[in-house]
C-alpha atoms as a PDB file:
ATOM      1  CA  MET A   1      11.982  -6.411  -2.262  1.00  0.00           C
ATOM      2  CA  ASN A   2      10.555  -3.422  -0.404  1.00  0.00           C
ATOM      3  CA  GLY A   3       7.628  -3.133  -2.804  1.00  0.00           C
ATOM      4  CA  ALA A   4       6.837  -6.795  -2.207  1.00  0.00           C
ATOM      5  CA  LYS A   5       6.547  -6.124   1.520  1.00  0.00           C
ATOM      6  CA  ARG A   6       4.129  -3.295   0.836  1.00  0.00           C
ATOM      7  CA  ILE A   7       2.057  -5.394  -1.585  1.00  0.00           C
ATOM      8  CA  GLY A   8       2.021  -8.270   0.909  1.00  0.00           C
ATOM      9  CA  GLY A   9       0.976  -5.991   3.747  1.00  0.00           C
ATOM     10  CA  ILE A  10      -1.823  -4.357   1.777  1.00  0.00           C
ATOM     11  CA  SER A  11      -2.969  -7.793   0.570  1.00  0.00           C
ATOM     12  CA  ALA A  12      -3.086  -9.040   4.155  1.00  0.00           C
ATOM     13  CA  VAL A  13      -5.060  -5.983   5.290  1.00  0.00           C
ATOM     14  CA  MET A  14      -7.504  -6.474   2.417  1.00  0.00           C
ATOM     15  CA  VAL A  15      -8.016 -10.194   3.115  1.00  0.00           C
ATOM     16  CA  VAL A  16      -8.435  -9.688   6.853  1.00  0.00           C
ATOM     17  CA  ALA A  17     -10.825  -6.746   6.390  1.00  0.00           C
ATOM     18  CA  VAL A  18     -12.979  -8.767   3.981  1.00  0.00           C
ATOM     19  CA  ALA A  19     -12.900 -11.713   6.396  1.00  0.00           C
ATOM     20  CA  ALA A  20     -14.097  -9.394   9.178  1.00  0.00           C
ATOM     21  CA  LEU A  21     -17.098  -8.515   7.038  1.00  0.00           C
ATOM     22  CA  ARG A  22     -17.856 -12.160   6.225  1.00  0.00           C
ATOM     23  CA  HIS A  23     -17.361 -13.650   9.700  1.00  0.00           C
ATOM     24  CA  PRO A  24     -19.043 -11.480  12.340  1.00  0.00           C
ATOM     25  CA  GLU A  25     -18.187 -13.925  15.141  1.00  0.00           C
ATOM     26  CA  HIS A  26     -14.471 -13.133  14.662  1.00  0.00           C
ATOM     27  CA  ALA A  27     -14.854  -9.580  13.395  1.00  0.00           C
ATOM     28  CA  ALA A  28     -13.337  -7.816  16.425  1.00  0.00           C
ATOM     29  CA  LEU A  29     -10.165  -9.916  16.266  1.00  0.00           C
ATOM     30  CA  LEU A  30      -9.884  -9.542  12.489  1.00  0.00           C
ATOM     31  CA  ARG A  31     -10.326  -5.751  12.635  1.00  0.00           C
ATOM     32  CA  ARG A  32      -7.576  -5.586  15.261  1.00  0.00           C
ATOM     33  CA  ILE A  33      -5.294  -7.704  13.051  1.00  0.00           C
ATOM     34  CA  ALA A  34      -5.989  -5.400  10.078  1.00  0.00           C
ATOM     35  CA  PHE A  35      -5.051  -2.333  12.134  1.00  0.00           C
ATOM     36  CA  GLN A  36      -1.904  -3.947  13.540  1.00  0.00           C
ATOM     37  CA  THR A  37      -0.851  -5.154  10.087  1.00  0.00           C
ATOM     38  CA  THR A  38      -1.183  -1.607   8.816  1.00  0.00           C
ATOM     39  CA  LEU A  39       1.109  -0.351  11.562  1.00  0.00           C
ATOM     40  CA  ILE A  40       3.618  -3.217  11.673  1.00  0.00           C
ATOM     41  CA  VAL A  41       3.897  -4.210   7.997  1.00  0.00           C
ATOM     42  CA  VAL A  42       2.452  -1.549   5.688  1.00  0.00           C
ATOM     43  CA  TRP A  43       4.106   1.549   7.169  1.00  0.00           C
ATOM     44  CA  PRO A  44       7.645   0.093   7.457  1.00  0.00           C
ATOM     45  CA  GLY A  45       7.274  -1.328   3.931  1.00  0.00           C
ATOM     46  CA  PHE A  46       6.165   2.071   2.670  1.00  0.00           C
ATOM     47  CA  ILE A  47       9.127   3.823   4.281  1.00  0.00           C
ATOM     48  CA  ALA A  48      11.547   1.231   2.913  1.00  0.00           C
ATOM     49  CA  THR A  49      10.021   1.585  -0.558  1.00  0.00           C
ATOM     50  CA  VAL A  50      10.441   5.359  -0.548  1.00  0.00           C
ATOM     51  CA  ALA A  51      14.044   5.085   0.634  1.00  0.00           C
ATOM     52  CA  GLY A  52      14.806   2.351  -1.907  1.00  0.00           C
ATOM     53  CA  GLY A  53      13.170   4.343  -4.695  1.00  0.00           C
ATOM     54  CA  HIS A  54      15.257   7.429  -3.978  1.00  0.00           C
ATOM     55  CA  TRP A  55      18.384   5.301  -3.781  1.00  0.00           C
ATOM     56  CA  THR A  56      17.583   3.638  -7.124  1.00  0.00           C
ATOM     57  CA  LEU A  57      16.923   6.959  -8.827  1.00  0.00           C
ATOM     58  CA  SER A  58      20.215   8.397  -7.599  1.00  0.00           C
ATOM     59  CA  ARG A  59      22.180   5.214  -8.380  1.00  0.00           C
ATOM     60  CA  GLU A  60      20.817   5.143 -11.945  1.00  0.00           C
ATOM     61  CA  HIS A  61      21.447   8.908 -12.251  1.00  0.00           C
ATOM     62  CA  LEU A  62      17.753   9.445 -12.924  1.00  0.00           C
ATOM     63  CA  ALA A  63      17.338  11.943 -10.098  1.00  0.00           C
ATOM     64  CA  ASP A  64      19.393  14.441 -12.121  1.00  0.00           C
ATOM     65  CA  ASN A  65      17.037  14.283 -15.119  1.00  0.00           C
ATOM     66  CA  ARG A  66      14.232  16.787 -15.373  1.00  0.00           C
ATOM     67  CA  THR A  67      11.844  14.055 -16.510  1.00  0.00           C
ATOM     68  CA  PRO A  68      12.484  10.505 -15.298  1.00  0.00           C
ATOM     69  CA  PRO A  69      11.392   7.610 -17.540  1.00  0.00           C
ATOM     70  CA  GLY A  70       7.710   6.637 -17.567  1.00  0.00           C
ATOM     71  CA  TRP A  71       8.175   3.565 -15.380  1.00  0.00           C
ATOM     72  CA  ALA A  72       9.790   5.709 -12.690  1.00  0.00           C
ATOM     73  CA  LEU A  73       7.023   8.305 -12.951  1.00  0.00           C
ATOM     74  CA  VAL A  74       4.413   5.620 -12.270  1.00  0.00           C
ATOM     75  CA  GLY A  75       6.276   4.558  -9.133  1.00  0.00           C
ATOM     76  CA  ILE A  76       6.689   8.152  -7.995  1.00  0.00           C
ATOM     77  CA  ALA A  77       2.997   8.964  -8.573  1.00  0.00           C
ATOM     78  CA  VAL A  78       1.711   5.887  -6.752  1.00  0.00           C
ATOM     79  CA  THR A  79       4.106   6.510  -3.871  1.00  0.00           C
ATOM     80  CA  ASP A  80       3.163  10.192  -3.583  1.00  0.00           C
ATOM     81  CA  LEU A  81      -0.564   9.465  -3.623  1.00  0.00           C
ATOM     82  CA  GLY A  82       0.028   6.290  -1.619  1.00  0.00           C
ATOM     83  CA  VAL A  83       1.097   8.177   1.471  1.00  0.00           C
ATOM     84  CA  LEU A  84      -2.349   9.800   1.609  1.00  0.00           C
ATOM     85  CA  VAL A  85      -4.047   6.460   0.978  1.00  0.00           C
ATOM     86  CA  VAL A  86      -2.038   4.729   3.711  1.00  0.00           C
ATOM     87  CA  ILE A  87      -2.805   7.543   6.169  1.00  0.00           C
ATOM     88  CA  VAL A  88      -6.536   7.266   5.429  1.00  0.00           C
ATOM     89  CA  LEU A  89      -6.337   3.458   5.541  1.00  0.00           C
ATOM     90  CA  THR A  90      -4.659   3.599   8.948  1.00  0.00           C
ATOM     91  CA  VAL A  91      -7.313   5.985  10.285  1.00  0.00           C
ATOM     92  CA  PHE A  92     -10.116   3.820   8.860  1.00  0.00           C
ATOM     93  CA  ALA A  93      -8.588   0.682  10.398  1.00  0.00           C
ATOM     94  CA  TRP A  94      -8.306   2.438  13.756  1.00  0.00           C
ATOM     95  CA  LEU A  95     -11.906   3.659  13.546  1.00  0.00           C
ATOM     96  CA  ALA A  96     -13.036   0.145  12.584  1.00  0.00           C
ATOM     97  CA  LEU A  97     -11.902  -1.057  16.001  1.00  0.00           C
ATOM     98  CA  ARG A  98     -14.798   0.913  17.509  1.00  0.00           C
ATOM     99  CA  ARG A  99     -17.129   1.252  14.530  1.00  0.00           C
ATOM    100  CA  PRO A 100     -17.487  -2.077  12.732  1.00  0.00           C
ATOM    101  CA  ARG A 101     -19.069  -0.457   9.658  1.00  0.00           C
ATOM    102  CA  MET A 102     -15.703   1.156   8.862  1.00  0.00           C
ATOM    103  CA  SER A 103     -14.410  -2.299   7.888  1.00  0.00           C
ATOM    104  CA  ARG A 104     -16.062  -1.774   4.504  1.00  0.00           C
ATOM    105  CA  GLY A 105     -13.947   1.324   3.975  1.00  0.00           C
ATOM    106  CA  VAL A 106     -10.793  -0.532   5.002  1.00  0.00           C
ATOM    107  CA  ALA A 107     -11.537  -3.382   2.599  1.00  0.00           C
ATOM    108  CA  ALA A 108     -12.434  -1.048  -0.280  1.00  0.00           C
ATOM    109  CA  LEU A 109      -9.449   1.252   0.157  1.00  0.00           C
ATOM    110  CA  ALA A 110      -7.010  -1.631   0.557  1.00  0.00           C
ATOM    111  CA  THR A 111      -8.398  -3.251  -2.610  1.00  0.00           C
ATOM    112  CA  LEU A 112      -8.052  -0.051  -4.644  1.00  0.00           C
ATOM    113  CA  TYR A 113      -4.538   0.580  -3.394  1.00  0.00           C
ATOM    114  CA  LEU A 114      -3.529  -3.022  -4.069  1.00  0.00           C
ATOM    115  CA  GLY A 115      -4.679  -2.553  -7.666  1.00  0.00           C
ATOM    116  CA  ALA A 116      -2.555   0.587  -7.979  1.00  0.00           C
ATOM    117  CA  LEU A 117       0.448  -1.234  -6.507  1.00  0.00           C
ATOM    118  CA  LEU A 118       0.051  -4.118  -8.958  1.00  0.00           C
ATOM    119  CA  VAL A 119      -0.063  -1.699 -11.906  1.00  0.00           C
ATOM    120  CA  THR A 120       3.075  -0.072 -10.529  1.00  0.00           C
ATOM    121  CA  LEU A 121       4.754  -3.445 -10.154  1.00  0.00           C
ATOM    122  CA  TRP A 122       3.950  -4.238 -13.771  1.00  0.00           C
ATOM    123  CA  ALA A 123       5.204  -0.846 -15.010  1.00  0.00           C
ATOM    124  CA  MET A 124       8.436  -1.027 -13.067  1.00  0.00           C
ATOM    125  CA  THR A 125       9.274  -4.610 -14.025  1.00  0.00           C
ATOM    126  CA  THR A 126       8.378  -4.473 -17.716  1.00  0.00           C
ATOM    127  CA  LYS A 127       9.477  -0.840 -18.229  1.00  0.00           C
ATOM    128  CA  PRO A 128       7.175  -0.225 -21.205  1.00  0.00           C
ATOM    129  CA  GLY A 129       8.407   2.448 -23.593  1.00  0.00           C
ATOM    130  CA  SER A 130      12.030   2.125 -22.488  1.00  0.00           C
END
């Protein structure tokens, strides 16, 4: 559930950032919506995902293992790198409020991170190799 909120938030940021590039007459509003979505949806979803992931690992007694299963490692890796991506995405979205050219960076970064989240979703639901 928490991962779905994060995927939905990143998807919304991506769609709104691309729309800001395509519709210059509404670009200021759309860039503001992208920034606010990052703050109001993406960050709380990220925090809930991290908390839920730690809870799941401890509940399944996987936190005690030296090497968690591959599906858990994918989630851990994307979450660890994701915090840096979300920080940069938030800064880019904030800068895009004043520098419209930064919308390209917001759209590109959100698209790349959405791809990583979808791979993680696949790995954690299918649990390949388990």
